[in-house]
Amino acid sequence: MSTIGRTVKNFLKIGPANYIKQLDNICDTKWGRLVGADANGNKYFENLDEVSGRERWVEYASKQPDSEDIAPEWHMWLNRIVQEPPNEMNYKPKKWWGEPIPNFSGTPKAFKTYSTTANKLEAWEPVVKARE
């Protein structure tokens, strides 16, 4: 939870439009240095004055933000696996790296299990007699 002073300071620094957008997306207000952007249009920020663990964040370009929208190299930077952002480090993808596979859970493309064995039981279907 933010203090009122911090919230007012952030409101004045980022403006009303970004203030409302941040409250809607991350339920907090933050300001910081724009570190870079990725191919999806997401913007990555850093503010070393924030509490440890909350000093790096992303503003999603999409209306429905999802964690799979973050590229793997930016994910490493957000989680402090590497200290320098991907746009500053000598980053060359290996030829055996593939494109990240999205998570299709909850969509029509989701994986559905199936059985290759014959059923041992049959469902009971009641026989209805015609009324007289």
N, C-alpha and C. Protein backbone atom coordinates (compact mmCIF):
# COMPACT_ATOMS: atom_id res chain seq x y z
N MET A 1 0.84 -1.18 0.00
CA MET A 1 0.00 0.00 0.00
C MET A 1 0.88 1.24 0.00
N SER A 2 0.55 2.17 -0.84
CA SER A 2 1.32 3.40 -0.97
C SER A 2 0.88 4.42 0.08
N THR A 3 1.80 5.29 0.41
CA THR A 3 1.44 6.42 1.27
C THR A 3 0.77 7.49 0.42
N ILE A 4 0.05 8.38 1.06
CA ILE A 4 -0.64 9.43 0.32
C ILE A 4 0.36 10.36 -0.34
N GLY A 5 1.45 10.68 0.36
CA GLY A 5 2.47 11.55 -0.23
C GLY A 5 3.09 10.95 -1.47
N ARG A 6 3.39 9.65 -1.45
CA ARG A 6 3.97 8.97 -2.61
C ARG A 6 2.98 8.94 -3.76
N THR A 7 1.71 8.70 -3.45
CA THR A 7 0.68 8.65 -4.49
C THR A 7 0.50 10.00 -5.16
N VAL A 8 0.46 11.08 -4.37
CA VAL A 8 0.31 12.42 -4.94
C VAL A 8 1.55 12.78 -5.77
N LYS A 9 2.74 12.44 -5.29
CA LYS A 9 3.97 12.71 -6.03
C LYS A 9 3.97 11.98 -7.37
N ASN A 10 3.55 10.73 -7.36
CA ASN A 10 3.50 9.97 -8.61
C ASN A 10 2.45 10.53 -9.56
N PHE A 11 1.31 10.98 -9.01
CA PHE A 11 0.27 11.57 -9.85
C PHE A 11 0.80 12.81 -10.57
N LEU A 12 1.54 13.64 -9.85
CA LEU A 12 2.07 14.86 -10.45
C LEU A 12 3.16 14.55 -11.48
N LYS A 13 3.92 13.48 -11.29
CA LYS A 13 5.02 13.16 -12.22
C LYS A 13 4.53 12.46 -13.48
N ILE A 14 3.53 11.59 -13.38
CA ILE A 14 3.13 10.80 -14.55
C ILE A 14 1.89 11.35 -15.24
N GLY A 15 1.12 12.20 -14.59
CA GLY A 15 -0.07 12.79 -15.21
C GLY A 15 -1.31 11.94 -14.98
N PRO A 16 -2.48 12.55 -15.19
CA PRO A 16 -3.74 11.85 -14.88
C PRO A 16 -4.02 10.63 -15.75
N ALA A 17 -3.69 10.69 -17.04
CA ALA A 17 -4.00 9.55 -17.93
C ALA A 17 -3.19 8.32 -17.54
N ASN A 18 -1.87 8.48 -17.36
CA ASN A 18 -1.04 7.34 -16.94
C ASN A 18 -1.38 6.89 -15.53
N TYR A 19 -1.77 7.82 -14.68
CA TYR A 19 -2.16 7.49 -13.30
C TYR A 19 -3.33 6.51 -13.31
N ILE A 20 -4.37 6.82 -14.08
CA ILE A 20 -5.55 5.95 -14.15
C ILE A 20 -5.19 4.62 -14.80
N LYS A 21 -4.38 4.65 -15.86
CA LYS A 21 -3.99 3.41 -16.53
C LYS A 21 -3.20 2.50 -15.59
N GLN A 22 -2.27 3.08 -14.80
CA GLN A 22 -1.49 2.26 -13.87
C GLN A 22 -2.37 1.70 -12.75
N LEU A 23 -3.30 2.50 -12.25
CA LEU A 23 -4.20 1.98 -11.21
C LEU A 23 -5.02 0.82 -11.74
N ASP A 24 -5.42 0.90 -13.02
CA ASP A 24 -6.21 -0.17 -13.62
C ASP A 24 -5.38 -1.43 -13.85
N ASN A 25 -4.12 -1.27 -14.29
CA ASN A 25 -3.30 -2.44 -14.65
C ASN A 25 -2.53 -3.04 -13.48
N ILE A 26 -1.85 -2.20 -12.67
CA ILE A 26 -1.00 -2.75 -11.62
C ILE A 26 -1.46 -2.38 -10.22
N CYS A 27 -2.61 -1.67 -10.12
CA CYS A 27 -3.20 -1.30 -8.83
C CYS A 27 -2.25 -0.47 -7.98
N ASP A 28 -1.38 0.28 -8.60
CA ASP A 28 -0.44 1.15 -7.90
C ASP A 28 0.02 2.20 -8.90
N THR A 29 0.66 3.24 -8.41
CA THR A 29 1.21 4.26 -9.30
C THR A 29 2.72 4.28 -9.13
N LYS A 30 3.41 4.35 -10.26
CA LYS A 30 4.87 4.36 -10.25
C LYS A 30 5.37 5.31 -11.31
N TRP A 31 6.54 5.84 -11.12
CA TRP A 31 7.22 6.62 -12.14
C TRP A 31 8.67 6.18 -12.15
N GLY A 32 9.29 6.28 -13.29
CA GLY A 32 10.68 5.89 -13.38
C GLY A 32 11.24 6.12 -14.76
N ARG A 33 12.47 5.69 -14.93
CA ARG A 33 13.20 5.85 -16.19
C ARG A 33 12.74 4.78 -17.17
N LEU A 34 12.40 5.21 -18.39
CA LEU A 34 12.05 4.27 -19.45
C LEU A 34 13.32 3.58 -19.90
N VAL A 35 13.39 2.27 -19.69
CA VAL A 35 14.59 1.50 -20.02
C VAL A 35 14.55 1.03 -21.46
N GLY A 36 13.37 0.63 -21.92
CA GLY A 36 13.27 0.15 -23.29
C GLY A 36 11.88 -0.36 -23.61
N ALA A 37 11.73 -0.84 -24.81
CA ALA A 37 10.47 -1.41 -25.27
C ALA A 37 10.78 -2.66 -26.08
N ASP A 38 9.80 -3.55 -26.15
CA ASP A 38 10.02 -4.79 -26.91
C ASP A 38 9.21 -4.77 -28.20
N ALA A 39 9.23 -5.88 -28.92
CA ALA A 39 8.55 -5.97 -30.21
C ALA A 39 7.03 -5.90 -30.06
N ASN A 40 6.50 -6.27 -28.89
CA ASN A 40 5.06 -6.22 -28.66
C ASN A 40 4.57 -4.83 -28.30
N GLY A 41 5.48 -3.89 -28.09
CA GLY A 41 5.10 -2.53 -27.72
C GLY A 41 5.06 -2.30 -26.22
N ASN A 42 5.42 -3.29 -25.43
CA ASN A 42 5.46 -3.13 -23.97
C ASN A 42 6.62 -2.21 -23.60
N LYS A 43 6.40 -1.38 -22.56
CA LYS A 43 7.43 -0.45 -22.10
C LYS A 43 7.94 -0.92 -20.73
N TYR A 44 9.26 -0.88 -20.57
CA TYR A 44 9.89 -1.36 -19.34
C TYR A 44 10.52 -0.18 -18.60
N PHE A 45 10.26 -0.11 -17.30
CA PHE A 45 10.70 1.01 -16.49
C PHE A 45 11.51 0.53 -15.31
N GLU A 46 12.30 1.46 -14.76
CA GLU A 46 13.10 1.17 -13.56
C GLU A 46 13.18 2.44 -12.72
N ASN A 47 13.00 2.28 -11.41
CA ASN A 47 13.16 3.36 -10.44
C ASN A 47 13.83 2.76 -9.22
N LEU A 48 15.09 3.09 -9.00
CA LEU A 48 15.85 2.49 -7.90
C LEU A 48 15.47 3.07 -6.54
N ASP A 49 14.60 4.09 -6.50
CA ASP A 49 14.11 4.62 -5.23
C ASP A 49 12.96 3.80 -4.66
N GLU A 50 12.42 2.89 -5.45
CA GLU A 50 11.31 2.04 -4.99
C GLU A 50 11.81 0.99 -4.00
N VAL A 51 10.87 0.32 -3.39
CA VAL A 51 11.18 -0.77 -2.47
C VAL A 51 11.83 -1.91 -3.26
N SER A 52 12.77 -2.59 -2.64
CA SER A 52 13.48 -3.68 -3.31
C SER A 52 12.49 -4.75 -3.77
N GLY A 53 12.63 -5.14 -5.01
CA GLY A 53 11.72 -6.12 -5.60
C GLY A 53 10.59 -5.48 -6.39
N ARG A 54 10.40 -4.17 -6.24
CA ARG A 54 9.35 -3.46 -6.95
C ARG A 54 9.90 -2.34 -7.81
N GLU A 55 11.20 -2.35 -8.04
CA GLU A 55 11.82 -1.24 -8.75
C GLU A 55 11.80 -1.40 -10.27
N ARG A 56 11.40 -2.54 -10.77
CA ARG A 56 11.30 -2.76 -12.22
C ARG A 56 9.88 -3.21 -12.54
N TRP A 57 9.31 -2.65 -13.59
CA TRP A 57 7.95 -3.04 -13.96
C TRP A 57 7.74 -2.82 -15.44
N VAL A 58 6.63 -3.35 -15.93
CA VAL A 58 6.29 -3.28 -17.35
C VAL A 58 4.91 -2.65 -17.48
N GLU A 59 4.76 -1.81 -18.50
CA GLU A 59 3.45 -1.30 -18.89
C GLU A 59 3.10 -1.99 -20.20
N TYR A 60 2.06 -2.82 -20.15
CA TYR A 60 1.66 -3.61 -21.31
C TYR A 60 1.03 -2.73 -22.37
N ALA A 61 1.25 -3.09 -23.62
CA ALA A 61 0.65 -2.37 -24.74
C ALA A 61 -0.77 -2.85 -24.99
N SER A 62 -1.08 -4.09 -24.64
CA SER A 62 -2.39 -4.65 -24.93
C SER A 62 -3.41 -4.25 -23.86
N LYS A 63 -4.67 -4.31 -24.24
CA LYS A 63 -5.75 -3.99 -23.31
C LYS A 63 -5.96 -5.11 -22.30
N GLN A 64 -5.65 -6.33 -22.69
CA GLN A 64 -5.77 -7.50 -21.81
C GLN A 64 -4.37 -7.99 -21.48
N PRO A 65 -3.70 -7.40 -20.48
CA PRO A 65 -2.31 -7.78 -20.22
C PRO A 65 -2.20 -9.22 -19.72
N ASP A 66 -1.17 -9.89 -20.19
CA ASP A 66 -0.90 -11.26 -19.79
C ASP A 66 0.61 -11.43 -19.69
N SER A 67 1.04 -12.24 -18.77
CA SER A 67 2.48 -12.40 -18.56
C SER A 67 3.18 -13.03 -19.76
N GLU A 68 2.47 -13.73 -20.61
CA GLU A 68 3.12 -14.32 -21.77
C GLU A 68 3.43 -13.28 -22.85
N ASP A 69 2.96 -12.04 -22.68
CA ASP A 69 3.30 -10.97 -23.61
C ASP A 69 4.73 -10.48 -23.44
N ILE A 70 5.39 -10.88 -22.35
CA ILE A 70 6.75 -10.44 -22.08
C ILE A 70 7.73 -11.39 -22.77
N ALA A 71 8.67 -10.82 -23.51
CA ALA A 71 9.69 -11.63 -24.18
C ALA A 71 10.63 -12.23 -23.14
N PRO A 72 11.22 -13.41 -23.41
CA PRO A 72 12.08 -14.07 -22.43
C PRO A 72 13.26 -13.22 -21.97
N GLU A 73 13.86 -12.46 -22.88
CA GLU A 73 15.02 -11.64 -22.48
C GLU A 73 14.60 -10.52 -21.53
N TRP A 74 13.40 -9.95 -21.71
CA TRP A 74 12.91 -8.93 -20.78
C TRP A 74 12.47 -9.56 -19.47
N HIS A 75 11.98 -10.78 -19.53
CA HIS A 75 11.61 -11.49 -18.30
C HIS A 75 12.84 -11.69 -17.41
N MET A 76 13.98 -11.99 -18.02
CA MET A 76 15.21 -12.14 -17.24
C MET A 76 15.58 -10.83 -16.55
N TRP A 77 15.40 -9.72 -17.24
CA TRP A 77 15.74 -8.42 -16.66
C TRP A 77 14.75 -8.04 -15.54
N LEU A 78 13.47 -8.27 -15.77
CA LEU A 78 12.47 -7.93 -14.74
C LEU A 78 12.69 -8.70 -13.45
N ASN A 79 13.11 -9.95 -13.56
CA ASN A 79 13.29 -10.80 -12.39
C ASN A 79 14.73 -10.78 -11.87
N ARG A 80 15.53 -9.84 -12.35
CA ARG A 80 16.90 -9.63 -11.87
C ARG A 80 17.82 -10.83 -12.11
N ILE A 81 17.56 -11.60 -13.14
CA ILE A 81 18.48 -12.67 -13.52
C ILE A 81 19.70 -12.05 -14.18
N VAL A 82 19.48 -11.00 -14.96
CA VAL A 82 20.56 -10.20 -15.52
C VAL A 82 20.36 -8.76 -15.09
N GLN A 83 21.45 -8.01 -14.98
CA GLN A 83 21.35 -6.63 -14.50
C GLN A 83 21.14 -5.62 -15.64
N GLU A 84 21.72 -5.88 -16.80
CA GLU A 84 21.57 -4.94 -17.90
C GLU A 84 20.38 -5.36 -18.76
N PRO A 85 19.61 -4.39 -19.25
CA PRO A 85 18.45 -4.72 -20.09
C PRO A 85 18.88 -5.28 -21.44
N PRO A 86 18.00 -6.00 -22.11
CA PRO A 86 18.37 -6.64 -23.39
C PRO A 86 18.80 -5.65 -24.47
N ASN A 87 18.28 -4.41 -24.44
CA ASN A 87 18.68 -3.46 -25.47
C ASN A 87 20.09 -2.92 -25.23
N GLU A 88 20.69 -3.17 -24.06
CA GLU A 88 22.06 -2.74 -23.77
C GLU A 88 23.07 -3.88 -23.79
N MET A 89 22.60 -5.11 -23.64
CA MET A 89 23.56 -6.22 -23.61
C MET A 89 23.73 -6.80 -25.01
N ASN A 90 24.83 -7.49 -25.20
CA ASN A 90 25.14 -8.12 -26.48
C ASN A 90 24.33 -9.41 -26.56
N TYR A 91 23.11 -9.28 -27.00
CA TYR A 91 22.16 -10.40 -27.00
C TYR A 91 21.99 -10.92 -28.41
N LYS A 92 22.39 -12.18 -28.60
CA LYS A 92 22.22 -12.83 -29.89
C LYS A 92 21.49 -14.15 -29.66
N PRO A 93 20.27 -14.29 -30.20
CA PRO A 93 19.55 -15.54 -30.00
C PRO A 93 20.27 -16.71 -30.69
N LYS A 94 20.23 -17.84 -30.05
CA LYS A 94 20.84 -19.04 -30.63
C LYS A 94 19.91 -19.62 -31.70
N LYS A 95 20.47 -20.36 -32.64
CA LYS A 95 19.65 -20.87 -33.73
C LYS A 95 18.69 -21.97 -33.26
N TRP A 96 18.99 -22.61 -32.13
CA TRP A 96 18.12 -23.67 -31.64
C TRP A 96 17.00 -23.14 -30.75
N TRP A 97 17.02 -21.83 -30.42
CA TRP A 97 15.92 -21.24 -29.67
C TRP A 97 14.73 -21.08 -30.59
N GLY A 98 13.59 -21.46 -30.14
CA GLY A 98 12.37 -21.28 -30.92
C GLY A 98 11.56 -20.12 -30.38
N GLU A 99 10.49 -19.85 -31.05
CA GLU A 99 9.57 -18.81 -30.57
C GLU A 99 8.84 -19.35 -29.33
N PRO A 100 8.57 -18.49 -28.34
CA PRO A 100 7.83 -18.95 -27.17
C PRO A 100 6.44 -19.43 -27.57
N ILE A 101 6.01 -20.51 -26.94
CA ILE A 101 4.69 -21.08 -27.23
C ILE A 101 3.69 -20.47 -26.26
N PRO A 102 2.62 -19.85 -26.76
CA PRO A 102 1.65 -19.25 -25.84
C PRO A 102 0.86 -20.31 -25.07
N ASN A 103 0.32 -19.90 -23.95
CA ASN A 103 -0.50 -20.77 -23.12
C ASN A 103 -1.93 -20.69 -23.62
N PHE A 104 -2.47 -21.79 -24.14
CA PHE A 104 -3.80 -21.81 -24.71
C PHE A 104 -4.87 -22.25 -23.71
N SER A 105 -4.54 -22.34 -22.44
CA SER A 105 -5.54 -22.77 -21.45
C SER A 105 -6.73 -21.83 -21.46
N GLY A 106 -7.92 -22.41 -21.44
CA GLY A 106 -9.14 -21.62 -21.43
C GLY A 106 -9.56 -21.12 -22.79
N THR A 107 -8.90 -21.57 -23.84
CA THR A 107 -9.26 -21.15 -25.20
C THR A 107 -9.67 -22.38 -26.00
N PRO A 108 -10.27 -22.19 -27.16
CA PRO A 108 -10.62 -23.36 -28.00
C PRO A 108 -9.41 -24.18 -28.43
N LYS A 109 -8.20 -23.59 -28.41
CA LYS A 109 -7.00 -24.33 -28.81
C LYS A 109 -6.38 -25.11 -27.65
N ALA A 110 -7.02 -25.12 -26.50
CA ALA A 110 -6.47 -25.79 -25.32
C ALA A 110 -6.35 -27.30 -25.57
N PHE A 111 -5.38 -27.91 -24.90
CA PHE A 111 -5.17 -29.35 -25.03
C PHE A 111 -6.32 -30.10 -24.39
N LYS A 112 -6.83 -31.10 -25.09
CA LYS A 112 -7.91 -31.93 -24.56
C LYS A 112 -7.40 -33.37 -24.52
N THR A 113 -7.53 -33.97 -23.37
CA THR A 113 -7.07 -35.36 -23.25
C THR A 113 -8.02 -36.30 -23.97
N TYR A 114 -7.50 -37.41 -24.40
CA TYR A 114 -8.32 -38.44 -25.02
C TYR A 114 -7.74 -39.79 -24.66
N SER A 115 -8.56 -40.80 -24.77
CA SER A 115 -8.13 -42.14 -24.40
C SER A 115 -8.05 -43.01 -25.65
N THR A 116 -7.04 -43.86 -25.69
CA THR A 116 -6.89 -44.76 -26.83
C THR A 116 -7.35 -46.18 -26.48
N THR A 117 -7.83 -46.37 -25.26
CA THR A 117 -8.30 -47.69 -24.84
C THR A 117 -9.81 -47.76 -24.94
N ALA A 118 -10.30 -48.99 -25.06
CA ALA A 118 -11.75 -49.19 -25.14
C ALA A 118 -12.37 -48.98 -23.76
N ASN A 119 -13.60 -48.46 -23.76
CA ASN A 119 -14.30 -48.25 -22.51
C ASN A 119 -14.64 -49.59 -21.85
N LYS A 120 -14.45 -49.68 -20.55
CA LYS A 120 -14.79 -50.89 -19.82
C LYS A 120 -16.23 -50.86 -19.33
N LEU A 121 -16.76 -49.69 -19.22
CA LEU A 121 -18.14 -49.52 -18.78
C LEU A 121 -18.92 -48.75 -19.83
N GLU A 122 -20.21 -49.05 -19.88
CA GLU A 122 -21.06 -48.32 -20.81
C GLU A 122 -22.05 -47.50 -20.01
N ALA A 123 -22.37 -46.35 -20.52
CA ALA A 123 -23.33 -45.49 -19.85
C ALA A 123 -24.72 -46.10 -19.96
N TRP A 124 -25.50 -45.96 -18.87
CA TRP A 124 -26.85 -46.51 -18.85
C TRP A 124 -27.79 -45.53 -19.52
N GLU A 125 -28.56 -46.03 -20.45
CA GLU A 125 -29.55 -45.20 -21.10
C GLU A 125 -30.92 -45.80 -20.79
N PRO A 126 -31.75 -45.06 -20.08
CA PRO A 126 -33.05 -45.62 -19.70
C PRO A 126 -33.96 -45.77 -20.91
N VAL A 127 -34.78 -46.79 -20.86
CA VAL A 127 -35.76 -47.03 -21.92
C VAL A 127 -37.08 -46.45 -21.44
N VAL A 128 -37.63 -45.57 -22.23
CA VAL A 128 -38.88 -44.90 -21.86
C VAL A 128 -40.00 -45.54 -22.66
N LYS A 129 -41.01 -46.02 -21.92
CA LYS A 129 -42.17 -46.60 -22.61
C LYS A 129 -43.13 -45.49 -23.03
N ALA A 130 -43.74 -45.71 -24.15
CA ALA A 130 -44.69 -44.73 -24.63
C ALA A 130 -45.91 -44.72 -23.72
N ARG A 131 -46.52 -43.55 -23.51
CA ARG A 131 -47.72 -43.46 -22.67
C ARG A 131 -48.92 -43.95 -23.43
N GLU A 132 -49.81 -44.54 -22.69
CA GLU A 132 -51.01 -45.07 -23.34
C GLU A 132 -52.16 -44.14 -23.23
